[in-house]
Amino acid sequence: MTQIATELNGLAVADLAWLNGISPDQPLRVGQQLKLPNQSYLDAGRDAKNKFLALSYFMETHNGQRRRLKAK
């Protein structure tokens, strides 16, 4: 299952196992079908996470306040 997850950028083994209702340590059977998320869905999720982390970092480093820029 690790090899399958690494082929999709942004997919963790635990997420793949959860999506398919199996344990991450459970071996796969030959012919077993798996649900796989679309790569564009994974990309959108990664972009959203990165924006959230950037905003969180900004809020921590600016005392939870944002400044408004004044037009000249």
N, C-alpha and C. Protein backbone atom coordinates (compact mmCIF):
# COMPACT_ATOMS: atom_id res chain seq x y z
N MET A 1 0.82 -1.18 0.00
CA MET A 1 0.00 0.00 0.00
C MET A 1 0.87 1.26 0.00
N THR A 2 2.05 1.18 0.57
CA THR A 2 2.96 2.32 0.62
C THR A 2 3.35 2.77 -0.78
N GLN A 3 3.63 1.83 -1.64
CA GLN A 3 4.04 2.17 -3.00
C GLN A 3 2.90 2.86 -3.75
N ILE A 4 1.69 2.42 -3.54
CA ILE A 4 0.53 3.03 -4.20
C ILE A 4 0.37 4.47 -3.72
N ALA A 5 0.47 4.68 -2.40
CA ALA A 5 0.31 6.01 -1.83
C ALA A 5 1.39 6.97 -2.31
N THR A 6 2.62 6.49 -2.44
CA THR A 6 3.70 7.39 -2.85
C THR A 6 3.60 7.78 -4.32
N GLU A 7 2.87 7.02 -5.10
CA GLU A 7 2.71 7.37 -6.52
C GLU A 7 1.78 8.56 -6.70
N LEU A 8 0.91 8.80 -5.72
CA LEU A 8 0.03 9.96 -5.76
C LEU A 8 0.60 11.02 -4.83
N ASN A 9 0.93 12.15 -5.38
CA ASN A 9 1.55 13.24 -4.63
C ASN A 9 0.56 13.77 -3.58
N GLY A 10 0.93 13.66 -2.31
CA GLY A 10 0.09 14.19 -1.24
C GLY A 10 -0.81 13.18 -0.58
N LEU A 11 -0.67 11.90 -0.88
CA LEU A 11 -1.52 10.88 -0.29
C LEU A 11 -0.71 10.08 0.72
N ALA A 12 -1.19 10.05 1.96
CA ALA A 12 -0.53 9.27 3.01
C ALA A 12 -1.11 7.86 3.05
N VAL A 13 -0.31 6.92 3.49
CA VAL A 13 -0.75 5.53 3.60
C VAL A 13 -1.97 5.44 4.52
N ALA A 14 -1.92 6.17 5.64
CA ALA A 14 -3.03 6.14 6.59
C ALA A 14 -4.32 6.63 5.94
N ASP A 15 -4.23 7.66 5.10
CA ASP A 15 -5.41 8.19 4.41
C ASP A 15 -5.95 7.18 3.40
N LEU A 16 -5.06 6.53 2.69
CA LEU A 16 -5.48 5.51 1.72
C LEU A 16 -6.17 4.35 2.43
N ALA A 17 -5.62 3.93 3.56
CA ALA A 17 -6.22 2.85 4.33
C ALA A 17 -7.59 3.27 4.86
N TRP A 18 -7.70 4.49 5.40
CA TRP A 18 -8.97 4.98 5.92
C TRP A 18 -10.02 5.03 4.81
N LEU A 19 -9.65 5.53 3.66
CA LEU A 19 -10.57 5.65 2.53
C LEU A 19 -11.13 4.29 2.13
N ASN A 20 -10.32 3.25 2.29
CA ASN A 20 -10.74 1.91 1.88
C ASN A 20 -11.20 1.04 3.05
N GLY A 21 -11.23 1.60 4.26
CA GLY A 21 -11.73 0.86 5.41
C GLY A 21 -10.89 -0.33 5.82
N ILE A 22 -9.57 -0.20 5.65
CA ILE A 22 -8.67 -1.29 6.03
C ILE A 22 -7.55 -0.73 6.91
N SER A 23 -6.83 -1.61 7.56
CA SER A 23 -5.69 -1.21 8.40
C SER A 23 -4.49 -0.91 7.50
N PRO A 24 -3.70 0.10 7.84
CA PRO A 24 -2.50 0.40 7.04
C PRO A 24 -1.50 -0.76 7.00
N ASP A 25 -1.54 -1.60 8.03
CA ASP A 25 -0.60 -2.73 8.09
C ASP A 25 -1.13 -3.98 7.40
N GLN A 26 -2.39 -3.95 7.02
CA GLN A 26 -3.01 -5.13 6.39
C GLN A 26 -2.47 -5.32 4.98
N PRO A 27 -1.99 -6.51 4.66
CA PRO A 27 -1.50 -6.74 3.29
C PRO A 27 -2.66 -6.74 2.29
N LEU A 28 -2.36 -6.30 1.09
CA LEU A 28 -3.37 -6.30 0.03
C LEU A 28 -3.43 -7.67 -0.63
N ARG A 29 -4.62 -8.01 -1.10
CA ARG A 29 -4.80 -9.27 -1.83
C ARG A 29 -4.65 -9.00 -3.33
N VAL A 30 -4.20 -10.00 -4.05
CA VAL A 30 -4.12 -9.89 -5.50
C VAL A 30 -5.53 -9.69 -6.04
N GLY A 31 -5.71 -8.68 -6.87
CA GLY A 31 -7.02 -8.39 -7.45
C GLY A 31 -7.90 -7.51 -6.59
N GLN A 32 -7.44 -7.15 -5.40
CA GLN A 32 -8.23 -6.30 -4.52
C GLN A 32 -8.37 -4.91 -5.13
N GLN A 33 -9.57 -4.38 -5.13
CA GLN A 33 -9.81 -3.05 -5.68
C GLN A 33 -9.72 -2.02 -4.57
N LEU A 34 -9.09 -0.90 -4.89
CA LEU A 34 -8.93 0.19 -3.94
C LEU A 34 -9.56 1.46 -4.50
N LYS A 35 -10.10 2.26 -3.61
CA LYS A 35 -10.57 3.60 -3.98
C LYS A 35 -9.36 4.53 -3.92
N LEU A 36 -9.17 5.31 -4.97
CA LEU A 36 -8.07 6.26 -5.02
C LEU A 36 -8.62 7.65 -5.29
N PRO A 37 -8.16 8.67 -4.56
CA PRO A 37 -8.63 10.03 -4.82
C PRO A 37 -7.99 10.58 -6.09
N ASN A 38 -8.70 11.49 -6.72
CA ASN A 38 -8.21 12.15 -7.92
C ASN A 38 -7.02 13.06 -7.54
N GLN A 39 -6.01 13.13 -8.37
CA GLN A 39 -4.82 13.95 -8.07
C GLN A 39 -5.19 15.42 -7.91
N SER A 40 -6.14 15.93 -8.67
CA SER A 40 -6.51 17.35 -8.53
C SER A 40 -7.12 17.61 -7.16
N TYR A 41 -7.83 16.64 -6.59
CA TYR A 41 -8.38 16.76 -5.24
C TYR A 41 -7.23 16.83 -4.22
N LEU A 42 -6.23 15.98 -4.39
CA LEU A 42 -5.08 16.00 -3.48
C LEU A 42 -4.31 17.32 -3.59
N ASP A 43 -4.16 17.84 -4.81
CA ASP A 43 -3.45 19.10 -5.01
C ASP A 43 -4.20 20.25 -4.35
N ALA A 44 -5.53 20.28 -4.49
CA ALA A 44 -6.33 21.34 -3.88
C ALA A 44 -6.24 21.27 -2.36
N GLY A 45 -6.25 20.08 -1.81
CA GLY A 45 -6.13 19.91 -0.36
C GLY A 45 -4.77 20.38 0.14
N ARG A 46 -3.72 20.06 -0.58
CA ARG A 46 -2.37 20.48 -0.19
C ARG A 46 -2.25 22.00 -0.26
N ASP A 47 -2.82 22.62 -1.30
CA ASP A 47 -2.78 24.08 -1.43
C ASP A 47 -3.54 24.75 -0.28
N ALA A 48 -4.70 24.21 0.08
CA ALA A 48 -5.48 24.77 1.18
C ALA A 48 -4.72 24.64 2.50
N LYS A 49 -4.08 23.52 2.71
CA LYS A 49 -3.30 23.31 3.94
C LYS A 49 -2.15 24.31 4.01
N ASN A 50 -1.45 24.52 2.89
CA ASN A 50 -0.33 25.45 2.87
C ASN A 50 -0.79 26.88 3.15
N LYS A 51 -1.95 27.28 2.60
CA LYS A 51 -2.47 28.63 2.86
C LYS A 51 -2.85 28.78 4.32
N PHE A 52 -3.44 27.75 4.90
CA PHE A 52 -3.80 27.79 6.31
C PHE A 52 -2.56 27.92 7.18
N LEU A 53 -1.52 27.15 6.89
CA LEU A 53 -0.29 27.20 7.67
C LEU A 53 0.39 28.57 7.54
N ALA A 54 0.36 29.15 6.35
CA ALA A 54 0.95 30.47 6.15
C ALA A 54 0.18 31.52 6.95
N LEU A 55 -1.15 31.45 6.94
CA LEU A 55 -1.96 32.39 7.71
C LEU A 55 -1.73 32.20 9.20
N SER A 56 -1.66 30.98 9.64
CA SER A 56 -1.41 30.68 11.05
C SER A 56 -0.06 31.25 11.49
N TYR A 57 0.96 31.06 10.69
CA TYR A 57 2.29 31.59 11.00
C TYR A 57 2.25 33.11 11.06
N PHE A 58 1.59 33.73 10.10
CA PHE A 58 1.48 35.18 10.06
C PHE A 58 0.80 35.70 11.32
N MET A 59 -0.30 35.06 11.73
CA MET A 59 -1.04 35.50 12.91
C MET A 59 -0.19 35.35 14.18
N GLU A 60 0.60 34.29 14.26
CA GLU A 60 1.47 34.08 15.42
C GLU A 60 2.58 35.13 15.49
N THR A 61 3.11 35.51 14.36
CA THR A 61 4.23 36.44 14.33
C THR A 61 3.80 37.90 14.33
N HIS A 62 2.50 38.16 14.22
CA HIS A 62 2.00 39.54 14.22
C HIS A 62 0.95 39.75 15.32
N ASN A 63 1.10 39.04 16.42
CA ASN A 63 0.22 39.17 17.58
C ASN A 63 -1.26 39.00 17.25
N GLY A 64 -1.56 38.17 16.29
CA GLY A 64 -2.95 37.88 15.95
C GLY A 64 -3.67 39.01 15.25
N GLN A 65 -2.92 40.00 14.78
CA GLN A 65 -3.55 41.14 14.12
C GLN A 65 -2.98 41.31 12.73
N ARG A 66 -3.80 41.79 11.88
CA ARG A 66 -3.30 42.12 10.55
C ARG A 66 -3.37 43.63 10.38
N ARG A 67 -2.47 44.17 9.63
CA ARG A 67 -2.41 45.60 9.42
C ARG A 67 -3.03 45.95 8.08
N ARG A 68 -3.68 47.06 8.05
CA ARG A 68 -4.22 47.53 6.77
C ARG A 68 -3.20 48.50 6.16
N LEU A 69 -3.00 48.32 4.90
CA LEU A 69 -2.10 49.24 4.20
C LEU A 69 -2.88 50.48 3.78
N LYS A 70 -2.31 51.63 4.04
CA LYS A 70 -2.97 52.88 3.68
C LYS A 70 -2.53 53.28 2.28
N ALA A 71 -3.50 53.69 1.48
CA ALA A 71 -3.19 54.14 0.12
C ALA A 71 -2.55 55.52 0.20
N LYS A 72 -1.59 55.75 -0.66
CA LYS A 72 -0.90 57.06 -0.67
C LYS A 72 -1.57 57.98 -1.64
